[in-house]
Amino acid sequence: MPKNKKQPDESQSFLDSLLAFPRTTRIIIAAVFALALTLAISPVIDRIYLGYFFTEDTRSLPALISGGAGLLMYGAGWLLLVGMVGEQPTGKRLLRIYLLVGILSLLIILAWAVRLVILGGL
């Protein structure tokens, strides 16, 4: 007799195991993803800014935009991955998107690091 219970897919079991990590580990993951996003988007923002918007009065604008994006990423990680004290976040679609953006940011940084090592310089 077939059972009507749904089998959890692999991504859901991965999310459940990730959410089972200690709180400190999840905070570190959120911080690493935030820094990775900041580093990954900084060159893009710098090129756009220098090419189209540069003035002496707004020199710090690219750093503020990159830092703001990193802060938003950390806040999203806190809500989706860490949760509030005494509360265990549940796996959601937004958490999957958050993890995808974080991992993609890490891969971009890794690719740039490999490129710097191979080509030797910026």
C-alpha atoms as a PDB file:
ATOM      1  CA  MET A   1       0.000   0.000   0.000  1.00  0.00           C
ATOM      2  CA  PRO A   2       1.604   3.321  -1.048  1.00  0.00           C
ATOM      3  CA  LYS A   3       1.998   5.954   1.589  1.00  0.00           C
ATOM      4  CA  ASN A   4       0.772   9.477   0.947  1.00  0.00           C
ATOM      5  CA  LYS A   5       3.591  11.059   2.906  1.00  0.00           C
ATOM      6  CA  LYS A   6       5.790  13.390   0.920  1.00  0.00           C
ATOM      7  CA  GLN A   7       9.458  12.574   0.897  1.00  0.00           C
ATOM      8  CA  PRO A   8      11.534  15.687   1.619  1.00  0.00           C
ATOM      9  CA  ASP A   9      13.639  16.627  -1.361  1.00  0.00           C
ATOM     10  CA  GLU A  10      17.399  16.919  -1.039  1.00  0.00           C
ATOM     11  CA  SER A  11      17.421  20.713  -0.977  1.00  0.00           C
ATOM     12  CA  GLN A  12      14.971  20.756   1.920  1.00  0.00           C
ATOM     13  CA  SER A  13      17.054  18.253   3.874  1.00  0.00           C
ATOM     14  CA  PHE A  14      20.139  20.393   3.140  1.00  0.00           C
ATOM     15  CA  LEU A  15      18.322  23.461   4.464  1.00  0.00           C
ATOM     16  CA  ASP A  16      17.216  21.556   7.546  1.00  0.00           C
ATOM     17  CA  SER A  17      20.774  20.423   8.244  1.00  0.00           C
ATOM     18  CA  LEU A  18      22.051  23.978   7.702  1.00  0.00           C
ATOM     19  CA  LEU A  19      19.459  25.351  10.100  1.00  0.00           C
ATOM     20  CA  ALA A  20      20.514  22.721  12.644  1.00  0.00           C
ATOM     21  CA  PHE A  21      24.006  24.269  12.864  1.00  0.00           C
ATOM     22  CA  PRO A  22      24.793  26.144  16.074  1.00  0.00           C
ATOM     23  CA  ARG A  23      23.646  29.758  16.144  1.00  0.00           C
ATOM     24  CA  THR A  24      27.218  31.090  16.132  1.00  0.00           C
ATOM     25  CA  THR A  25      28.031  29.126  12.988  1.00  0.00           C
ATOM     26  CA  ARG A  26      24.965  30.513  11.226  1.00  0.00           C
ATOM     27  CA  ILE A  27      25.974  34.052  12.245  1.00  0.00           C
ATOM     28  CA  ILE A  28      29.439  33.485  10.763  1.00  0.00           C
ATOM     29  CA  ILE A  29      27.905  32.162   7.529  1.00  0.00           C
ATOM     30  CA  ALA A  30      25.721  35.278   7.275  1.00  0.00           C
ATOM     31  CA  ALA A  31      28.753  37.519   7.873  1.00  0.00           C
ATOM     32  CA  VAL A  32      30.858  35.706   5.263  1.00  0.00           C
ATOM     33  CA  PHE A  33      28.070  35.972   2.688  1.00  0.00           C
ATOM     34  CA  ALA A  34      27.678  39.698   3.447  1.00  0.00           C
ATOM     35  CA  LEU A  35      31.398  40.335   3.002  1.00  0.00           C
ATOM     36  CA  ALA A  36      31.459  38.220  -0.147  1.00  0.00           C
ATOM     37  CA  LEU A  37      28.624  40.196  -1.710  1.00  0.00           C
ATOM     38  CA  THR A  38      30.316  43.476  -0.799  1.00  0.00           C
ATOM     39  CA  LEU A  39      33.571  42.357  -2.404  1.00  0.00           C
ATOM     40  CA  ALA A  40      31.835  40.902  -5.455  1.00  0.00           C
ATOM     41  CA  ILE A  41      29.854  44.025  -6.345  1.00  0.00           C
ATOM     42  CA  SER A  42      32.490  46.650  -5.475  1.00  0.00           C
ATOM     43  CA  PRO A  43      34.384  46.536  -8.807  1.00  0.00           C
ATOM     44  CA  VAL A  44      31.154  46.703 -10.792  1.00  0.00           C
ATOM     45  CA  ILE A  45      29.880  49.677  -8.822  1.00  0.00           C
ATOM     46  CA  ASP A  46      33.280  51.377  -9.067  1.00  0.00           C
ATOM     47  CA  ARG A  47      33.379  51.029 -12.862  1.00  0.00           C
ATOM     48  CA  ILE A  48      29.849  52.352 -13.294  1.00  0.00           C
ATOM     49  CA  TYR A  49      30.494  55.194 -10.877  1.00  0.00           C
ATOM     50  CA  LEU A  50      33.817  56.247 -12.393  1.00  0.00           C
ATOM     51  CA  GLY A  51      32.458  56.037 -15.920  1.00  0.00           C
ATOM     52  CA  TYR A  52      29.226  57.965 -15.450  1.00  0.00           C
ATOM     53  CA  PHE A  53      28.829  59.680 -12.081  1.00  0.00           C
ATOM     54  CA  PHE A  54      32.217  60.726 -10.687  1.00  0.00           C
ATOM     55  CA  THR A  55      32.549  64.104  -9.002  1.00  0.00           C
ATOM     56  CA  GLU A  56      34.901  65.185  -6.226  1.00  0.00           C
ATOM     57  CA  ASP A  57      31.962  65.705  -3.873  1.00  0.00           C
ATOM     58  CA  THR A  58      30.744  62.106  -4.119  1.00  0.00           C
ATOM     59  CA  ARG A  59      33.999  60.148  -3.818  1.00  0.00           C
ATOM     60  CA  SER A  60      32.700  57.901  -1.040  1.00  0.00           C
ATOM     61  CA  LEU A  61      29.441  56.969  -2.776  1.00  0.00           C
ATOM     62  CA  PRO A  62      30.626  53.624  -4.264  1.00  0.00           C
ATOM     63  CA  ALA A  63      31.860  52.442  -0.866  1.00  0.00           C
ATOM     64  CA  LEU A  64      28.570  53.451   0.737  1.00  0.00           C
ATOM     65  CA  ILE A  65      26.555  51.588  -1.893  1.00  0.00           C
ATOM     66  CA  SER A  66      28.698  48.444  -1.615  1.00  0.00           C
ATOM     67  CA  GLY A  67      28.658  48.586   2.171  1.00  0.00           C
ATOM     68  CA  GLY A  68      24.905  49.130   2.196  1.00  0.00           C
ATOM     69  CA  ALA A  69      24.379  46.088  -0.012  1.00  0.00           C
ATOM     70  CA  GLY A  70      26.549  44.029   2.339  1.00  0.00           C
ATOM     71  CA  LEU A  71      24.595  45.287   5.334  1.00  0.00           C
ATOM     72  CA  LEU A  72      21.317  44.340   3.647  1.00  0.00           C
ATOM     73  CA  MET A  73      22.738  40.894   2.898  1.00  0.00           C
ATOM     74  CA  TYR A  74      23.732  40.468   6.545  1.00  0.00           C
ATOM     75  CA  GLY A  75      20.290  41.582   7.702  1.00  0.00           C
ATOM     76  CA  ALA A  76      18.623  39.139   5.331  1.00  0.00           C
ATOM     77  CA  GLY A  77      20.906  36.389   6.601  1.00  0.00           C
ATOM     78  CA  TRP A  78      20.033  37.255  10.157  1.00  0.00           C
ATOM     79  CA  LEU A  79      16.320  36.992   9.463  1.00  0.00           C
ATOM     80  CA  LEU A  80      16.429  33.944   7.191  1.00  0.00           C
ATOM     81  CA  LEU A  81      19.332  31.912   8.550  1.00  0.00           C
ATOM     82  CA  VAL A  82      19.985  32.942  12.148  1.00  0.00           C
ATOM     83  CA  GLY A  83      16.569  33.947  13.440  1.00  0.00           C
ATOM     84  CA  MET A  84      15.731  35.653  16.689  1.00  0.00           C
ATOM     85  CA  VAL A  85      16.836  34.354  20.080  1.00  0.00           C
ATOM     86  CA  GLY A  86      14.936  31.214  21.023  1.00  0.00           C
ATOM     87  CA  GLU A  87      13.463  30.859  17.546  1.00  0.00           C
ATOM     88  CA  GLN A  88      14.568  28.346  14.932  1.00  0.00           C
ATOM     89  CA  PRO A  89      14.048  29.648  11.383  1.00  0.00           C
ATOM     90  CA  THR A  90      12.348  27.309   8.963  1.00  0.00           C
ATOM     91  CA  GLY A  91      13.522  26.533   5.449  1.00  0.00           C
ATOM     92  CA  LYS A  92      11.831  28.824   2.977  1.00  0.00           C
ATOM     93  CA  ARG A  93      12.147  29.799  -0.639  1.00  0.00           C
ATOM     94  CA  LEU A  94      13.803  33.079   0.363  1.00  0.00           C
ATOM     95  CA  LEU A  95      16.473  31.158   2.253  1.00  0.00           C
ATOM     96  CA  ARG A  96      17.272  29.222  -0.917  1.00  0.00           C
ATOM     97  CA  ILE A  97      17.625  32.471  -2.860  1.00  0.00           C
ATOM     98  CA  TYR A  98      19.782  33.929  -0.075  1.00  0.00           C
ATOM     99  CA  LEU A  99      22.086  30.908  -0.143  1.00  0.00           C
ATOM    100  CA  LEU A 100      22.271  31.034  -3.939  1.00  0.00           C
ATOM    101  CA  VAL A 101      23.299  34.715  -3.901  1.00  0.00           C
ATOM    102  CA  GLY A 102      25.838  34.061  -1.142  1.00  0.00           C
ATOM    103  CA  ILE A 103      27.411  31.078  -2.868  1.00  0.00           C
ATOM    104  CA  LEU A 104      27.454  32.916  -6.207  1.00  0.00           C
ATOM    105  CA  SER A 105      29.243  35.837  -4.526  1.00  0.00           C
ATOM    106  CA  LEU A 106      31.831  33.465  -3.078  1.00  0.00           C
ATOM    107  CA  LEU A 107      32.365  31.867  -6.495  1.00  0.00           C
ATOM    108  CA  ILE A 108      32.861  35.282  -8.121  1.00  0.00           C
ATOM    109  CA  ILE A 109      35.481  36.200  -5.523  1.00  0.00           C
ATOM    110  CA  LEU A 110      37.200  32.848  -5.989  1.00  0.00           C
ATOM    111  CA  ALA A 111      37.257  33.327  -9.770  1.00  0.00           C
ATOM    112  CA  TRP A 112      38.757  36.804  -9.385  1.00  0.00           C
ATOM    113  CA  ALA A 113      41.386  35.480  -6.968  1.00  0.00           C
ATOM    114  CA  VAL A 114      42.364  32.718  -9.396  1.00  0.00           C
ATOM    115  CA  ARG A 115      42.515  35.259 -12.212  1.00  0.00           C
ATOM    116  CA  LEU A 116      44.780  37.512 -10.142  1.00  0.00           C
ATOM    117  CA  VAL A 117      47.107  34.628  -9.349  1.00  0.00           C
ATOM    118  CA  ILE A 118      47.270  33.470 -12.966  1.00  0.00           C
ATOM    119  CA  LEU A 119      47.564  36.891 -14.594  1.00  0.00           C
ATOM    120  CA  GLY A 120      49.552  38.440 -11.765  1.00  0.00           C
ATOM    121  CA  GLY A 121      47.947  41.753 -10.963  1.00  0.00           C
ATOM    122  CA  LEU A 122      44.795  43.704 -11.526  1.00  0.00           C
END
